[in-house]
Amino acid sequence: MSASDYPLLSVMENEQGNVVLDFQITADGAVTDMKIASSSGFARLDGAAADTAKQRWRYNPVLVDGKPISCRWKIRVVWLLEWTPEQLAEGGPFTIVRMGPSDYPTDILARREEGVTAIWALVDENGKVSQADIAQRSRYPDLDSASVDLVKKRGWRIAPPRLGGKPIRMVTGFVIVWSMSPSQAATH
């Protein structure tokens, strides 16, 4: 599975885990008769793993006396929210924002904390962020809080989508990268 396979609601809820799929590989290599042998603990992750396997996976069938046969197979799918900022942003509604030393709150700068926090933001019809929540935490709670504050209080304006010509609310995401190295920070 790739970052783009991760269900967005599962990212928002920080759902992680392992699911074991038990399925039939047909003589032509298709995946059928899908069963969840061991749940991740999250129905959304289990369903996404099963759906992806049925829709996209193909196997070289087992050969017996040179002829393809069907067989059962089990595989573990690992859902883990530990990606690079680029992986998080790929295929999803995330914008990468790089923060350098001059952007740090003084106390966090003094502790030299670095990390990446993913934030979900609700953007109202006027393009203003009305709510922000953590989608993926860094190792530092103060960086995570600073990331939420940044998104909520920075005053960013985001062009909302339109439906029938009228602007509507939307959910978007930001990957906030905190780096002590000025060369890793970009204009934001």
Protein backbone atom coordinates (compact mmCIF):
# COMPACT_ATOMS: atom_id res chain seq x y z
CA MET A 1 0.00 0.00 0.00
CA SER A 2 1.12 3.55 -0.63
CA ALA A 3 0.35 6.86 1.07
CA SER A 4 -2.38 7.52 -1.52
CA ASP A 5 -4.13 4.25 -0.51
CA TYR A 6 -4.50 5.39 3.12
CA PRO A 7 -8.14 6.38 3.75
CA LEU A 8 -8.21 10.13 4.46
CA LEU A 9 -10.59 9.71 7.41
CA SER A 10 -8.19 7.16 8.89
CA VAL A 11 -5.36 9.69 8.56
CA MET A 12 -7.52 12.30 10.28
CA GLU A 13 -8.29 9.87 13.11
CA ASN A 14 -4.67 8.65 13.32
CA GLU A 15 -5.81 5.05 12.72
CA GLN A 16 -2.93 2.60 12.32
CA GLY A 17 -2.60 -1.17 12.46
CA ASN A 18 -2.03 -4.45 10.67
CA VAL A 19 -4.67 -6.40 8.81
CA VAL A 20 -4.18 -9.95 7.59
CA LEU A 21 -6.04 -10.73 4.37
CA ASP A 22 -6.96 -14.31 3.45
CA PHE A 23 -8.01 -14.72 -0.19
CA GLN A 24 -8.17 -16.99 -3.19
CA ILE A 25 -5.81 -16.50 -6.13
CA THR A 26 -7.55 -17.81 -9.23
CA ALA A 27 -5.87 -19.72 -12.03
CA ASP A 28 -5.68 -16.46 -14.01
CA GLY A 29 -4.06 -14.56 -11.08
CA ALA A 30 -7.09 -12.56 -9.90
CA VAL A 31 -7.88 -12.04 -6.20
CA THR A 32 -11.28 -13.37 -5.06
CA ASP A 33 -13.07 -14.72 -1.97
CA MET A 34 -11.56 -12.07 0.33
CA LYS A 35 -11.71 -12.57 4.09
CA ILE A 36 -10.23 -10.56 6.96
CA ALA A 37 -8.17 -13.16 8.85
CA SER A 38 -7.01 -10.63 11.46
CA SER A 39 -8.40 -7.10 11.85
CA SER A 40 -6.36 -3.95 12.27
CA GLY A 41 -8.97 -2.85 14.79
CA PHE A 42 -10.34 -0.30 12.30
CA ALA A 43 -13.05 -1.34 9.83
CA ARG A 44 -12.06 1.48 7.46
CA LEU A 45 -8.44 0.21 7.20
CA ASP A 46 -9.58 -3.41 6.85
CA GLY A 47 -11.99 -2.44 4.07
CA ALA A 48 -9.42 -0.32 2.24
CA ALA A 49 -6.89 -3.17 2.29
CA ALA A 50 -9.45 -5.69 1.02
CA ASP A 51 -10.80 -3.35 -1.68
CA THR A 52 -7.33 -2.44 -2.93
CA ALA A 53 -6.29 -6.10 -3.07
CA LYS A 54 -9.41 -7.14 -5.01
CA GLN A 55 -9.23 -4.24 -7.45
CA ARG A 56 -5.52 -3.90 -8.18
CA TRP A 57 -3.53 -6.94 -7.14
CA ARG A 58 -2.65 -9.65 -9.67
CA TYR A 59 -0.54 -12.73 -9.06
CA ASN A 60 1.30 -15.27 -11.12
CA PRO A 61 -0.76 -18.38 -10.41
CA VAL A 62 0.68 -21.54 -8.90
CA LEU A 63 1.63 -24.10 -11.55
CA VAL A 64 1.09 -27.83 -11.05
CA ASP A 65 2.39 -29.99 -13.87
CA GLY A 66 2.73 -26.79 -15.88
CA LYS A 67 -0.95 -25.85 -15.46
CA PRO A 68 -2.17 -22.86 -13.42
CA ILE A 69 -4.33 -23.68 -10.42
CA SER A 70 -6.09 -21.58 -7.83
CA CYS A 71 -4.86 -21.45 -4.23
CA ARG A 72 -5.47 -19.61 -0.95
CA TRP A 73 -3.02 -16.98 0.26
CA LYS A 74 -2.57 -14.80 3.32
CA ILE A 75 -0.77 -11.48 3.47
CA ARG A 76 -0.28 -8.82 6.14
CA VAL A 77 -0.99 -5.20 5.21
CA VAL A 78 0.65 -2.63 7.48
CA TRP A 79 -1.04 0.77 7.87
CA LEU A 80 1.50 3.12 9.43
CA LEU A 81 1.40 6.92 9.58
CA GLU A 82 5.11 7.64 9.31
CA TRP A 83 5.75 9.28 5.98
CA THR A 84 7.94 12.03 4.67
CA PRO A 85 6.18 15.36 4.02
CA GLU A 86 6.32 14.67 0.29
CA GLN A 87 4.67 11.26 0.74
CA LEU A 88 1.91 12.80 2.85
CA ALA A 89 1.25 15.52 0.28
CA GLU A 90 1.33 13.12 -2.69
CA GLY A 91 -2.13 12.23 -3.92
CA GLY A 92 -3.89 14.12 -1.17
CA PRO A 93 -5.13 17.55 -0.24
CA PHE A 94 -1.97 18.52 1.66
CA THR A 95 0.20 21.60 1.18
CA ILE A 96 3.75 21.45 2.52
CA VAL A 97 4.77 24.47 4.62
CA ARG A 98 8.42 24.60 5.69
CA MET A 99 9.30 26.53 8.85
CA GLY A 100 12.85 27.69 9.61
CA PRO A 101 14.53 28.89 12.83
CA SER A 102 13.07 32.40 12.49
CA ASP A 103 9.53 30.91 12.54
CA TYR A 104 9.95 28.98 15.79
CA PRO A 105 8.37 29.96 19.10
CA THR A 106 11.29 30.93 21.41
CA ASP A 107 10.92 28.05 23.89
CA ILE A 108 10.76 25.39 21.16
CA LEU A 109 13.73 26.97 19.36
CA ALA A 110 15.75 26.79 22.60
CA ARG A 111 15.03 23.04 22.84
CA ARG A 112 16.04 22.61 19.17
CA GLU A 113 13.03 20.45 18.37
CA GLU A 114 12.44 19.42 14.76
CA GLY A 115 9.59 17.45 13.28
CA VAL A 116 6.69 17.14 10.90
CA THR A 117 3.04 17.65 11.84
CA ALA A 118 0.12 17.06 9.47
CA ILE A 119 -2.92 19.26 10.08
CA TRP A 120 -6.49 18.97 8.80
CA ALA A 121 -8.16 22.34 8.38
CA LEU A 122 -11.79 23.27 7.82
CA VAL A 123 -11.97 26.25 5.47
CA ASP A 124 -15.19 28.28 5.53
CA GLU A 125 -17.01 29.80 2.56
CA ASN A 126 -14.88 32.97 2.86
CA GLY A 127 -11.60 31.04 2.58
CA LYS A 128 -10.69 31.41 6.28
CA VAL A 129 -9.50 28.46 8.38
CA SER A 130 -12.21 28.01 11.00
CA GLN A 131 -10.93 24.80 12.61
CA ALA A 132 -7.62 22.91 12.61
CA ASP A 133 -6.84 19.50 14.06
CA ILE A 134 -3.80 17.21 14.07
CA ALA A 135 -3.84 14.43 11.47
CA GLN A 136 -0.34 13.13 12.27
CA ARG A 137 1.73 14.10 15.28
CA SER A 138 5.43 14.85 15.45
CA ARG A 139 7.44 13.54 18.42
CA TYR A 140 7.00 16.89 20.17
CA PRO A 141 3.62 18.02 21.58
CA ASP A 142 4.70 21.69 21.60
CA LEU A 143 5.54 21.54 17.87
CA ASP A 144 2.14 20.00 17.23
CA SER A 145 0.40 22.79 19.17
CA ALA A 146 2.48 25.42 17.35
CA SER A 147 1.44 23.84 14.03
CA VAL A 148 -2.27 24.05 14.90
CA ASP A 149 -1.82 27.66 16.06
CA LEU A 150 0.04 28.48 12.85
CA VAL A 151 -2.75 27.20 10.63
CA LYS A 152 -5.55 28.75 12.72
CA LYS A 153 -3.99 32.12 13.51
CA ARG A 154 -1.79 32.91 10.52
CA GLY A 155 -4.73 34.40 8.67
CA TRP A 156 -4.23 32.36 5.53
CA ARG A 157 -6.91 32.73 2.90
CA ILE A 158 -7.65 29.69 0.77
CA ALA A 159 -9.85 29.80 -2.31
CA PRO A 160 -12.81 27.57 -1.43
CA PRO A 161 -14.38 25.33 -4.06
CA ARG A 162 -17.64 26.42 -5.64
CA LEU A 163 -20.85 24.50 -6.07
CA GLY A 164 -23.47 26.03 -8.34
CA GLY A 165 -21.38 29.20 -8.41
CA LYS A 166 -21.43 29.59 -4.61
CA PRO A 167 -18.37 29.04 -2.41
CA ILE A 168 -18.64 26.07 -0.04
CA ARG A 169 -16.70 24.83 2.97
CA MET A 170 -13.94 22.31 2.45
CA VAL A 171 -11.37 20.28 4.35
CA THR A 172 -7.75 20.61 3.32
CA GLY A 173 -4.46 19.63 4.89
CA PHE A 174 -1.10 21.13 5.68
CA VAL A 175 2.16 19.32 6.36
CA ILE A 176 4.15 21.63 8.64
CA VAL A 177 7.89 20.86 8.51
CA TRP A 178 9.88 22.39 11.40
CA SER A 179 13.61 22.47 10.67
CA MET A 180 16.50 24.15 12.51
CA SER A 181 18.42 24.31 9.24
CA PRO A 182 17.68 27.51 7.25
CA SER A 183 18.52 25.62 4.05
CA GLN A 184 15.63 23.16 4.70
CA ALA A 185 13.10 25.95 5.11
CA ALA A 186 11.41 27.53 2.13
CA THR A 187 9.39 30.66 1.64
CA HIS A 188 5.86 30.24 2.92
